[in-house]
Amino acid sequence: MNKKGQIWDARGNRIGDVAPGTLFFRQESASYPSPVHDRYYGTVDEVISGNATGYVLRKKLDYVGDVEICG
């Protein structure tokens, strides 16, 4: 995260706050919701209310790198 932001669930409810410098792990699996035009879906590693999975604004993210998950 490049700026303070929020994470939202699929219904548009705010479920947490995200601090600058927090890592966001974008999920692109077919079993997760598709990204909307201005948001990505994934999990943050640190949220005031605990780890959360939901949507964050794309403009508040800076690309860091890819992480391959084996399953």
N, C-alpha and C. Protein backbone atom coordinates (compact mmCIF):
# COMPACT_ATOMS: atom_id res chain seq x y z
N MET A 1 0.85 -1.16 0.00
CA MET A 1 0.00 0.00 0.00
C MET A 1 0.90 1.23 0.00
N ASN A 2 0.60 2.17 -0.90
CA ASN A 2 1.39 3.39 -0.95
C ASN A 2 0.76 4.53 -0.16
N LYS A 3 -0.49 4.35 0.27
CA LYS A 3 -1.22 5.35 1.07
C LYS A 3 -2.13 4.62 2.04
N LYS A 4 -2.54 5.33 3.07
CA LYS A 4 -3.53 4.77 3.99
C LYS A 4 -4.80 4.49 3.20
N GLY A 5 -5.44 3.36 3.48
CA GLY A 5 -6.66 3.02 2.75
C GLY A 5 -7.56 2.13 3.58
N GLN A 6 -8.56 1.60 2.92
CA GLN A 6 -9.52 0.71 3.56
C GLN A 6 -9.64 -0.56 2.73
N ILE A 7 -10.13 -1.61 3.38
CA ILE A 7 -10.44 -2.85 2.68
C ILE A 7 -11.94 -3.09 2.84
N TRP A 8 -12.58 -3.50 1.73
CA TRP A 8 -14.03 -3.63 1.65
C TRP A 8 -14.41 -5.05 1.28
N ASP A 9 -15.54 -5.52 1.78
CA ASP A 9 -16.01 -6.85 1.39
C ASP A 9 -16.81 -6.75 0.09
N ALA A 10 -17.28 -7.88 -0.41
CA ALA A 10 -17.99 -7.92 -1.70
C ALA A 10 -19.31 -7.15 -1.66
N ARG A 11 -19.85 -6.92 -0.50
CA ARG A 11 -21.12 -6.17 -0.37
C ARG A 11 -20.90 -4.67 -0.21
N GLY A 12 -19.64 -4.25 -0.19
CA GLY A 12 -19.34 -2.82 -0.05
C GLY A 12 -19.24 -2.35 1.38
N ASN A 13 -19.11 -3.29 2.32
CA ASN A 13 -18.94 -2.93 3.73
C ASN A 13 -17.46 -2.78 4.05
N ARG A 14 -17.12 -1.71 4.75
CA ARG A 14 -15.74 -1.49 5.17
C ARG A 14 -15.41 -2.49 6.27
N ILE A 15 -14.32 -3.26 6.06
CA ILE A 15 -13.97 -4.28 7.05
C ILE A 15 -12.61 -4.03 7.71
N GLY A 16 -11.93 -2.98 7.33
CA GLY A 16 -10.66 -2.68 7.97
C GLY A 16 -9.95 -1.50 7.35
N ASP A 17 -8.94 -1.02 8.05
CA ASP A 17 -8.08 0.05 7.58
C ASP A 17 -6.71 -0.54 7.29
N VAL A 18 -6.03 0.03 6.31
CA VAL A 18 -4.73 -0.47 5.89
C VAL A 18 -3.72 0.68 5.94
N ALA A 19 -2.59 0.44 6.58
CA ALA A 19 -1.56 1.46 6.71
C ALA A 19 -0.62 1.46 5.50
N PRO A 20 -0.01 2.62 5.19
CA PRO A 20 0.99 2.65 4.13
C PRO A 20 2.12 1.67 4.44
N GLY A 21 2.65 1.02 3.42
CA GLY A 21 3.73 0.06 3.59
C GLY A 21 3.25 -1.36 3.83
N THR A 22 1.95 -1.54 4.05
CA THR A 22 1.39 -2.87 4.25
C THR A 22 1.40 -3.64 2.94
N LEU A 23 1.72 -4.93 2.98
CA LEU A 23 1.69 -5.75 1.77
C LEU A 23 0.26 -6.21 1.48
N PHE A 24 -0.10 -6.19 0.21
CA PHE A 24 -1.40 -6.67 -0.25
C PHE A 24 -1.12 -7.82 -1.21
N PHE A 25 -1.72 -8.96 -0.95
CA PHE A 25 -1.53 -10.15 -1.78
C PHE A 25 -2.75 -10.31 -2.67
N ARG A 26 -2.62 -9.89 -3.93
CA ARG A 26 -3.71 -9.96 -4.89
C ARG A 26 -3.99 -11.41 -5.25
N GLN A 27 -5.25 -11.78 -5.26
CA GLN A 27 -5.66 -13.14 -5.60
C GLN A 27 -6.35 -13.12 -6.96
N GLU A 28 -5.89 -13.98 -7.86
CA GLU A 28 -6.43 -14.02 -9.22
C GLU A 28 -7.02 -15.38 -9.55
N SER A 29 -7.22 -16.22 -8.57
CA SER A 29 -7.77 -17.55 -8.80
C SER A 29 -9.22 -17.46 -9.26
N ALA A 30 -9.65 -18.43 -10.05
CA ALA A 30 -11.03 -18.45 -10.54
C ALA A 30 -12.05 -18.57 -9.41
N SER A 31 -11.62 -19.05 -8.25
CA SER A 31 -12.56 -19.21 -7.14
C SER A 31 -12.79 -17.91 -6.36
N TYR A 32 -12.10 -16.84 -6.73
CA TYR A 32 -12.26 -15.56 -6.04
C TYR A 32 -12.99 -14.59 -6.96
N PRO A 33 -13.62 -13.57 -6.39
CA PRO A 33 -14.33 -12.58 -7.22
C PRO A 33 -13.39 -11.89 -8.22
N SER A 34 -13.92 -11.51 -9.35
CA SER A 34 -13.14 -10.79 -10.35
C SER A 34 -12.85 -9.38 -9.86
N PRO A 35 -11.72 -8.78 -10.30
CA PRO A 35 -11.47 -7.39 -9.92
C PRO A 35 -12.51 -6.48 -10.56
N VAL A 36 -12.89 -5.46 -9.86
CA VAL A 36 -13.76 -4.45 -10.45
C VAL A 36 -12.86 -3.38 -11.05
N HIS A 37 -13.42 -2.42 -11.78
CA HIS A 37 -12.61 -1.51 -12.57
C HIS A 37 -11.56 -0.73 -11.77
N ASP A 38 -11.79 -0.43 -10.49
CA ASP A 38 -10.83 0.37 -9.73
C ASP A 38 -10.29 -0.33 -8.49
N ARG A 39 -10.58 -1.62 -8.32
CA ARG A 39 -10.17 -2.34 -7.11
C ARG A 39 -9.62 -3.72 -7.45
N TYR A 40 -8.76 -4.20 -6.56
CA TYR A 40 -8.27 -5.58 -6.64
C TYR A 40 -8.76 -6.34 -5.41
N TYR A 41 -8.91 -7.65 -5.57
CA TYR A 41 -9.33 -8.54 -4.49
C TYR A 41 -8.11 -9.28 -3.96
N GLY A 42 -7.99 -9.38 -2.66
CA GLY A 42 -6.88 -10.10 -2.08
C GLY A 42 -6.86 -9.98 -0.57
N THR A 43 -5.69 -10.27 0.00
CA THR A 43 -5.52 -10.27 1.45
C THR A 43 -4.40 -9.32 1.83
N VAL A 44 -4.61 -8.57 2.90
CA VAL A 44 -3.55 -7.71 3.43
C VAL A 44 -2.88 -8.42 4.59
N ASP A 45 -1.60 -8.14 4.79
CA ASP A 45 -0.87 -8.83 5.85
C ASP A 45 -1.02 -8.17 7.21
N GLU A 46 -1.55 -6.97 7.24
CA GLU A 46 -1.72 -6.27 8.51
C GLU A 46 -2.85 -5.27 8.38
N VAL A 47 -3.87 -5.44 9.17
CA VAL A 47 -5.01 -4.53 9.17
C VAL A 47 -5.33 -4.24 10.63
N ILE A 48 -5.78 -3.05 10.92
CA ILE A 48 -6.10 -2.69 12.30
C ILE A 48 -7.03 -3.72 12.93
N SER A 49 -7.97 -4.22 12.17
CA SER A 49 -8.93 -5.18 12.71
C SER A 49 -8.47 -6.63 12.55
N GLY A 50 -7.22 -6.86 12.14
CA GLY A 50 -6.70 -8.22 11.91
C GLY A 50 -6.59 -8.48 10.43
N ASN A 51 -6.00 -9.60 10.04
CA ASN A 51 -5.87 -9.94 8.62
C ASN A 51 -7.25 -9.99 7.99
N ALA A 52 -7.35 -9.43 6.81
CA ALA A 52 -8.65 -9.39 6.13
C ALA A 52 -8.48 -9.66 4.65
N THR A 53 -9.51 -10.20 4.05
CA THR A 53 -9.55 -10.45 2.61
C THR A 53 -10.71 -9.64 2.05
N GLY A 54 -10.43 -8.89 0.99
CA GLY A 54 -11.46 -8.07 0.37
C GLY A 54 -10.87 -7.23 -0.73
N TYR A 55 -11.49 -6.09 -1.01
CA TYR A 55 -11.09 -5.21 -2.10
C TYR A 55 -10.37 -3.98 -1.58
N VAL A 56 -9.33 -3.54 -2.31
CA VAL A 56 -8.67 -2.26 -2.05
C VAL A 56 -8.57 -1.51 -3.38
N LEU A 57 -8.47 -0.19 -3.29
CA LEU A 57 -8.35 0.63 -4.50
C LEU A 57 -7.01 0.38 -5.18
N ARG A 58 -7.04 0.19 -6.49
CA ARG A 58 -5.80 -0.03 -7.26
C ARG A 58 -4.83 1.13 -7.12
N LYS A 59 -5.35 2.35 -7.08
CA LYS A 59 -4.46 3.52 -7.05
C LYS A 59 -3.67 3.63 -5.75
N LYS A 60 -4.03 2.85 -4.75
CA LYS A 60 -3.29 2.87 -3.49
C LYS A 60 -2.27 1.75 -3.39
N LEU A 61 -2.02 1.06 -4.51
CA LEU A 61 -1.09 -0.07 -4.54
C LEU A 61 0.10 0.24 -5.46
N ASP A 62 1.27 -0.18 -5.03
CA ASP A 62 2.46 -0.16 -5.87
C ASP A 62 2.89 -1.61 -6.06
N TYR A 63 3.22 -2.00 -7.28
CA TYR A 63 3.64 -3.37 -7.57
C TYR A 63 4.99 -3.66 -6.91
N VAL A 64 5.08 -4.79 -6.22
CA VAL A 64 6.33 -5.19 -5.58
C VAL A 64 6.91 -6.42 -6.26
N GLY A 65 6.09 -7.45 -6.50
CA GLY A 65 6.58 -8.66 -7.13
C GLY A 65 5.52 -9.74 -7.10
N ASP A 66 5.83 -10.84 -7.79
CA ASP A 66 4.92 -11.99 -7.85
C ASP A 66 5.31 -13.00 -6.79
N VAL A 67 4.31 -13.68 -6.27
CA VAL A 67 4.52 -14.79 -5.33
C VAL A 67 3.77 -15.98 -5.90
N GLU A 68 4.50 -17.07 -6.17
CA GLU A 68 3.84 -18.26 -6.69
C GLU A 68 3.38 -19.12 -5.53
N ILE A 69 2.12 -19.49 -5.57
CA ILE A 69 1.53 -20.34 -4.53
C ILE A 69 1.31 -21.72 -5.12
N CYS A 70 1.90 -22.72 -4.54
CA CYS A 70 1.72 -24.09 -5.01
C CYS A 70 0.60 -24.74 -4.23
N GLY A 71 -0.26 -25.46 -4.91
CA GLY A 71 -1.36 -26.06 -4.18
C GLY A 71 -1.71 -27.43 -4.63
